[in-house]
């Protein structure tokens, strides 16, 4: 039997991490953790005020997510986490070496449209440009897959599950 992956659903704000993450976890039969819940209150206050986080703000958040992912090793799990920079993903993998990424990617106009229609989220649309400027896509040596975010949440989840099924146990395609 194949060991379930621990998956980080990544991407810029508005790609659907919080929607796809739980759907993917349910599909895989593993627990889901919302990455935003790992943010200290100071980070949420900054983002709510339209102030982008600095790397120093992110380290404790990434360490907390990495610890959760490490605790799920061998059992599987899905966590949402923007993980926009390679250094952030490297930090997560330092704590959770088997972590696999599902990079939700899509057209900026589609993502901005989705952001304008969502309710009750602290990330304003104004920060989308900084998110795209920061994004460093997955590199060939990183365990993970890129999944297009067009279509319904169910279609996106199906694409993600199929892509993950095609990975080896170490996350290589």
C-alpha atoms as a PDB file:
ATOM      1  CA  UNK A   1       0.000   0.000   0.000  1.00  0.00           C
ATOM      2  CA  UNK A   2       1.213   3.465  -0.867  1.00  0.00           C
ATOM      3  CA  UNK A   3       1.901   5.896   1.980  1.00  0.00           C
ATOM      4  CA  UNK A   4      -0.320   8.992   1.705  1.00  0.00           C
ATOM      5  CA  UNK A   5       1.488  12.211   0.862  1.00  0.00           C
ATOM      6  CA  UNK A   6       1.455  15.229   3.114  1.00  0.00           C
ATOM      7  CA  UNK A   7       0.431  17.969   0.693  1.00  0.00           C
ATOM      8  CA  UNK A   8       0.764  21.737   0.875  1.00  0.00           C
ATOM      9  CA  UNK A   9      -1.728  23.468  -1.428  1.00  0.00           C
ATOM     10  CA  UNK A  10       0.138  26.625  -2.491  1.00  0.00           C
ATOM     11  CA  UNK A  11      -0.354  29.682  -4.658  1.00  0.00           C
ATOM     12  CA  UNK A  12      -1.094  33.372  -4.576  1.00  0.00           C
ATOM     13  CA  UNK A  13      -4.104  34.714  -2.704  1.00  0.00           C
ATOM     14  CA  UNK A  14      -7.373  33.968  -4.461  1.00  0.00           C
ATOM     15  CA  UNK A  15      -6.324  30.751  -6.222  1.00  0.00           C
ATOM     16  CA  UNK A  16      -8.616  28.688  -4.010  1.00  0.00           C
ATOM     17  CA  UNK A  17      -6.278  27.145  -1.435  1.00  0.00           C
ATOM     18  CA  UNK A  18      -8.954  27.298   1.273  1.00  0.00           C
ATOM     19  CA  UNK A  19     -11.581  25.832  -1.058  1.00  0.00           C
ATOM     20  CA  UNK A  20      -9.495  23.163  -2.783  1.00  0.00           C
ATOM     21  CA  UNK A  21      -7.524  22.122   0.323  1.00  0.00           C
ATOM     22  CA  UNK A  22     -10.486  20.629   2.223  1.00  0.00           C
ATOM     23  CA  UNK A  23     -11.929  19.084  -0.952  1.00  0.00           C
ATOM     24  CA  UNK A  24      -8.594  17.466  -1.758  1.00  0.00           C
ATOM     25  CA  UNK A  25      -8.178  16.241   1.823  1.00  0.00           C
ATOM     26  CA  UNK A  26     -11.646  14.672   1.704  1.00  0.00           C
ATOM     27  CA  UNK A  27     -10.861  13.088  -1.645  1.00  0.00           C
ATOM     28  CA  UNK A  28      -7.604  11.635  -0.250  1.00  0.00           C
ATOM     29  CA  UNK A  29      -9.186  10.639   3.076  1.00  0.00           C
ATOM     30  CA  UNK A  30      -6.756  12.667   5.181  1.00  0.00           C
ATOM     31  CA  UNK A  31      -7.079  15.634   7.594  1.00  0.00           C
ATOM     32  CA  UNK A  32      -6.973  19.237   6.429  1.00  0.00           C
ATOM     33  CA  UNK A  33      -5.332  22.202   8.181  1.00  0.00           C
ATOM     34  CA  UNK A  34      -6.004  25.807   7.188  1.00  0.00           C
ATOM     35  CA  UNK A  35      -2.660  27.563   6.803  1.00  0.00           C
ATOM     36  CA  UNK A  36      -4.099  30.954   7.788  1.00  0.00           C
ATOM     37  CA  UNK A  37      -4.860  29.497  11.235  1.00  0.00           C
ATOM     38  CA  UNK A  38      -1.107  29.173  11.861  1.00  0.00           C
ATOM     39  CA  UNK A  39      -0.523  32.949  11.443  1.00  0.00           C
ATOM     40  CA  UNK A  40       0.176  34.930  14.590  1.00  0.00           C
ATOM     41  CA  UNK A  41      -2.303  37.765  15.184  1.00  0.00           C
ATOM     42  CA  UNK A  42       0.357  40.348  14.277  1.00  0.00           C
ATOM     43  CA  UNK A  43       0.571  38.898  10.745  1.00  0.00           C
ATOM     44  CA  UNK A  44      -3.197  39.011  10.291  1.00  0.00           C
ATOM     45  CA  UNK A  45      -3.263  42.633  11.479  1.00  0.00           C
ATOM     46  CA  UNK A  46      -0.555  43.585   8.977  1.00  0.00           C
ATOM     47  CA  UNK A  47      -2.265  41.890   6.042  1.00  0.00           C
ATOM     48  CA  UNK A  48      -5.670  43.304   7.030  1.00  0.00           C
ATOM     49  CA  UNK A  49      -4.109  46.751   6.878  1.00  0.00           C
ATOM     50  CA  UNK A  50      -2.807  46.030   3.364  1.00  0.00           C
ATOM     51  CA  UNK A  51       0.811  45.682   4.501  1.00  0.00           C
ATOM     52  CA  UNK A  52       2.712  42.781   2.908  1.00  0.00           C
ATOM     53  CA  UNK A  53       4.482  40.458   5.320  1.00  0.00           C
ATOM     54  CA  UNK A  54       8.256  40.418   5.470  1.00  0.00           C
ATOM     55  CA  UNK A  55      10.250  37.206   5.643  1.00  0.00           C
ATOM     56  CA  UNK A  56      10.847  37.700   9.374  1.00  0.00           C
ATOM     57  CA  UNK A  57       7.044  37.698   9.835  1.00  0.00           C
ATOM     58  CA  UNK A  58       6.714  34.469   7.896  1.00  0.00           C
ATOM     59  CA  UNK A  59       9.331  32.262   9.600  1.00  0.00           C
ATOM     60  CA  UNK A  60       7.271  31.399  12.733  1.00  0.00           C
ATOM     61  CA  UNK A  61       4.222  30.787  10.537  1.00  0.00           C
ATOM     62  CA  UNK A  62       6.134  28.490   8.183  1.00  0.00           C
ATOM     63  CA  UNK A  63       7.726  26.669  11.122  1.00  0.00           C
ATOM     64  CA  UNK A  64       4.281  26.002  12.630  1.00  0.00           C
ATOM     65  CA  UNK A  65       2.963  24.655   9.317  1.00  0.00           C
ATOM     66  CA  UNK A  66       6.112  22.545   8.881  1.00  0.00           C
ATOM     67  CA  UNK A  67       5.655  21.081  12.362  1.00  0.00           C
ATOM     68  CA  UNK A  68       2.047  20.130  11.542  1.00  0.00           C
ATOM     69  CA  UNK A  69       3.163  18.542   8.252  1.00  0.00           C
ATOM     70  CA  UNK A  70       5.983  16.671   9.991  1.00  0.00           C
ATOM     71  CA  UNK A  71       3.476  15.298  12.494  1.00  0.00           C
ATOM     72  CA  UNK A  72       1.380  13.916   9.617  1.00  0.00           C
ATOM     73  CA  UNK A  73       4.321  12.107   7.919  1.00  0.00           C
ATOM     74  CA  UNK A  74       3.323   8.567   7.048  1.00  0.00           C
ATOM     75  CA  UNK A  75      -0.349   9.289   7.705  1.00  0.00           C
ATOM     76  CA  UNK A  76      -1.027  11.970   5.097  1.00  0.00           C
ATOM     77  CA  UNK A  77      -2.621  15.357   5.323  1.00  0.00           C
ATOM     78  CA  UNK A  78      -3.346  18.524   3.391  1.00  0.00           C
ATOM     79  CA  UNK A  79      -2.464  22.038   4.520  1.00  0.00           C
ATOM     80  CA  UNK A  80      -2.927  25.337   2.711  1.00  0.00           C
ATOM     81  CA  UNK A  81       0.087  27.637   2.580  1.00  0.00           C
ATOM     82  CA  UNK A  82       0.946  30.290   0.006  1.00  0.00           C
ATOM     83  CA  UNK A  83       4.613  29.102  -0.084  1.00  0.00           C
ATOM     84  CA  UNK A  84       5.340  31.689  -2.762  1.00  0.00           C
ATOM     85  CA  UNK A  85       9.139  31.662  -2.546  1.00  0.00           C
ATOM     86  CA  UNK A  86      11.519  28.750  -2.933  1.00  0.00           C
ATOM     87  CA  UNK A  87      13.090  29.714   0.407  1.00  0.00           C
ATOM     88  CA  UNK A  88       9.691  29.304   2.095  1.00  0.00           C
ATOM     89  CA  UNK A  89       9.208  25.860   0.576  1.00  0.00           C
ATOM     90  CA  UNK A  90      12.765  24.928   1.548  1.00  0.00           C
ATOM     91  CA  UNK A  91      12.009  25.983   5.127  1.00  0.00           C
ATOM     92  CA  UNK A  92       8.858  23.846   5.162  1.00  0.00           C
ATOM     93  CA  UNK A  93      10.763  20.857   3.750  1.00  0.00           C
ATOM     94  CA  UNK A  94      13.523  21.307   6.345  1.00  0.00           C
ATOM     95  CA  UNK A  95      10.934  20.388   8.987  1.00  0.00           C
ATOM     96  CA  UNK A  96       8.772  18.085   6.824  1.00  0.00           C
ATOM     97  CA  UNK A  97      11.105  16.513   4.215  1.00  0.00           C
ATOM     98  CA  UNK A  98       8.389  14.490   2.487  1.00  0.00           C
ATOM     99  CA  UNK A  99       6.086  17.452   1.883  1.00  0.00           C
ATOM    100  CA  UNK A 100       4.620  17.605  -1.643  1.00  0.00           C
ATOM    101  CA  UNK A 101       3.255  20.814  -3.170  1.00  0.00           C
ATOM    102  CA  UNK A 102       0.133  21.349  -5.259  1.00  0.00           C
ATOM    103  CA  UNK A 103       0.667  24.750  -6.875  1.00  0.00           C
ATOM    104  CA  UNK A 104      -2.700  26.239  -7.797  1.00  0.00           C
ATOM    105  CA  UNK A 105      -1.950  28.515 -10.732  1.00  0.00           C
ATOM    106  CA  UNK A 106      -4.075  30.652 -12.989  1.00  0.00           C
ATOM    107  CA  UNK A 107      -4.652  33.824 -14.914  1.00  0.00           C
ATOM    108  CA  UNK A 108      -4.342  36.999 -12.837  1.00  0.00           C
ATOM    109  CA  UNK A 109      -7.690  38.391 -14.088  1.00  0.00           C
ATOM    110  CA  UNK A 110      -9.536  35.224 -13.018  1.00  0.00           C
ATOM    111  CA  UNK A 111      -7.892  35.269  -9.595  1.00  0.00           C
ATOM    112  CA  UNK A 112      -8.630  38.968  -9.046  1.00  0.00           C
ATOM    113  CA  UNK A 113     -12.272  38.403 -10.016  1.00  0.00           C
ATOM    114  CA  UNK A 114     -12.571  35.587  -7.486  1.00  0.00           C
ATOM    115  CA  UNK A 115     -10.985  37.736  -4.780  1.00  0.00           C
ATOM    116  CA  UNK A 116     -13.466  40.560  -5.332  1.00  0.00           C
ATOM    117  CA  UNK A 117     -16.366  38.161  -4.754  1.00  0.00           C
ATOM    118  CA  UNK A 118     -15.192  36.405  -1.598  1.00  0.00           C
ATOM    119  CA  UNK A 119     -16.462  37.410   1.807  1.00  0.00           C
ATOM    120  CA  UNK A 120     -14.750  37.717   5.165  1.00  0.00           C
ATOM    121  CA  UNK A 121     -11.103  37.234   4.160  1.00  0.00           C
ATOM    122  CA  UNK A 122      -8.335  39.473   5.497  1.00  0.00           C
ATOM    123  CA  UNK A 123      -6.263  39.589   2.265  1.00  0.00           C
ATOM    124  CA  UNK A 124      -7.254  42.627   0.185  1.00  0.00           C
ATOM    125  CA  UNK A 125      -7.118  42.544  -3.619  1.00  0.00           C
ATOM    126  CA  UNK A 126      -4.555  45.365  -3.452  1.00  0.00           C
ATOM    127  CA  UNK A 127      -1.920  42.851  -2.302  1.00  0.00           C
ATOM    128  CA  UNK A 128      -2.370  40.605  -5.348  1.00  0.00           C
ATOM    129  CA  UNK A 129       0.346  42.405  -7.336  1.00  0.00           C
ATOM    130  CA  UNK A 130       2.869  41.857  -4.528  1.00  0.00           C
ATOM    131  CA  UNK A 131       1.860  38.191  -4.393  1.00  0.00           C
ATOM    132  CA  UNK A 132       2.522  37.691  -8.118  1.00  0.00           C
ATOM    133  CA  UNK A 133       5.782  39.648  -7.865  1.00  0.00           C
ATOM    134  CA  UNK A 134       6.930  37.380  -5.019  1.00  0.00           C
ATOM    135  CA  UNK A 135       5.834  34.077  -6.613  1.00  0.00           C
ATOM    136  CA  UNK A 136       8.646  31.717  -7.563  1.00  0.00           C
ATOM    137  CA  UNK A 137       7.038  28.737  -9.336  1.00  0.00           C
ATOM    138  CA  UNK A 138       7.934  25.182  -8.377  1.00  0.00           C
ATOM    139  CA  UNK A 139      11.294  24.117  -9.774  1.00  0.00           C
ATOM    140  CA  UNK A 140      11.954  20.727 -11.411  1.00  0.00           C
ATOM    141  CA  UNK A 141      13.813  19.504  -8.312  1.00  0.00           C
ATOM    142  CA  UNK A 142      10.849  20.267  -6.015  1.00  0.00           C
ATOM    143  CA  UNK A 143       8.312  17.556  -5.211  1.00  0.00           C
ATOM    144  CA  UNK A 144       4.958  18.665  -6.501  1.00  0.00           C
ATOM    145  CA  UNK A 145       2.582  19.470  -9.318  1.00  0.00           C
ATOM    146  CA  UNK A 146       1.058  22.561 -10.918  1.00  0.00           C
ATOM    147  CA  UNK A 147      -2.731  22.560 -11.244  1.00  0.00           C
ATOM    148  CA  UNK A 148      -4.743  25.062 -13.294  1.00  0.00           C
ATOM    149  CA  UNK A 149      -7.464  26.857 -11.295  1.00  0.00           C
ATOM    150  CA  UNK A 150      -9.965  27.364 -14.090  1.00  0.00           C
ATOM    151  CA  UNK A 151     -13.274  25.567 -13.717  1.00  0.00           C
ATOM    152  CA  UNK A 152     -15.265  24.481 -10.694  1.00  0.00           C
ATOM    153  CA  UNK A 153     -13.725  23.546  -7.359  1.00  0.00           C
ATOM    154  CA  UNK A 154     -14.630  19.925  -8.077  1.00  0.00           C
ATOM    155  CA  UNK A 155     -12.835  20.015 -11.448  1.00  0.00           C
ATOM    156  CA  UNK A 156      -9.747  21.594  -9.888  1.00  0.00           C
ATOM    157  CA  UNK A 157      -9.752  19.010  -7.082  1.00  0.00           C
ATOM    158  CA  UNK A 158     -10.034  16.191  -9.629  1.00  0.00           C
ATOM    159  CA  UNK A 159      -7.041  17.567 -11.579  1.00  0.00           C
ATOM    160  CA  UNK A 160      -5.040  17.840  -8.352  1.00  0.00           C
ATOM    161  CA  UNK A 161      -5.892  14.300  -7.227  1.00  0.00           C
ATOM    162  CA  UNK A 162      -4.979  12.878 -10.647  1.00  0.00           C
ATOM    163  CA  UNK A 163      -1.686  14.778 -10.680  1.00  0.00           C
ATOM    164  CA  UNK A 164      -0.814  13.587  -7.177  1.00  0.00           C
ATOM    165  CA  UNK A 165      -1.648   9.999  -8.111  1.00  0.00           C
ATOM    166  CA  UNK A 166       0.970  10.252 -10.856  1.00  0.00           C
ATOM    167  CA  UNK A 167       3.743  11.119  -8.397  1.00  0.00           C
ATOM    168  CA  UNK A 168       6.151   8.575  -6.979  1.00  0.00           C
ATOM    169  CA  UNK A 169       6.362   8.110  -3.206  1.00  0.00           C
ATOM    170  CA  UNK A 170       9.131  10.739  -3.051  1.00  0.00           C
ATOM    171  CA  UNK A 171       6.966  13.282  -4.904  1.00  0.00           C
ATOM    172  CA  UNK A 172       8.752  13.106  -8.249  1.00  0.00           C
ATOM    173  CA  UNK A 173       6.589  13.087 -11.388  1.00  0.00           C
END
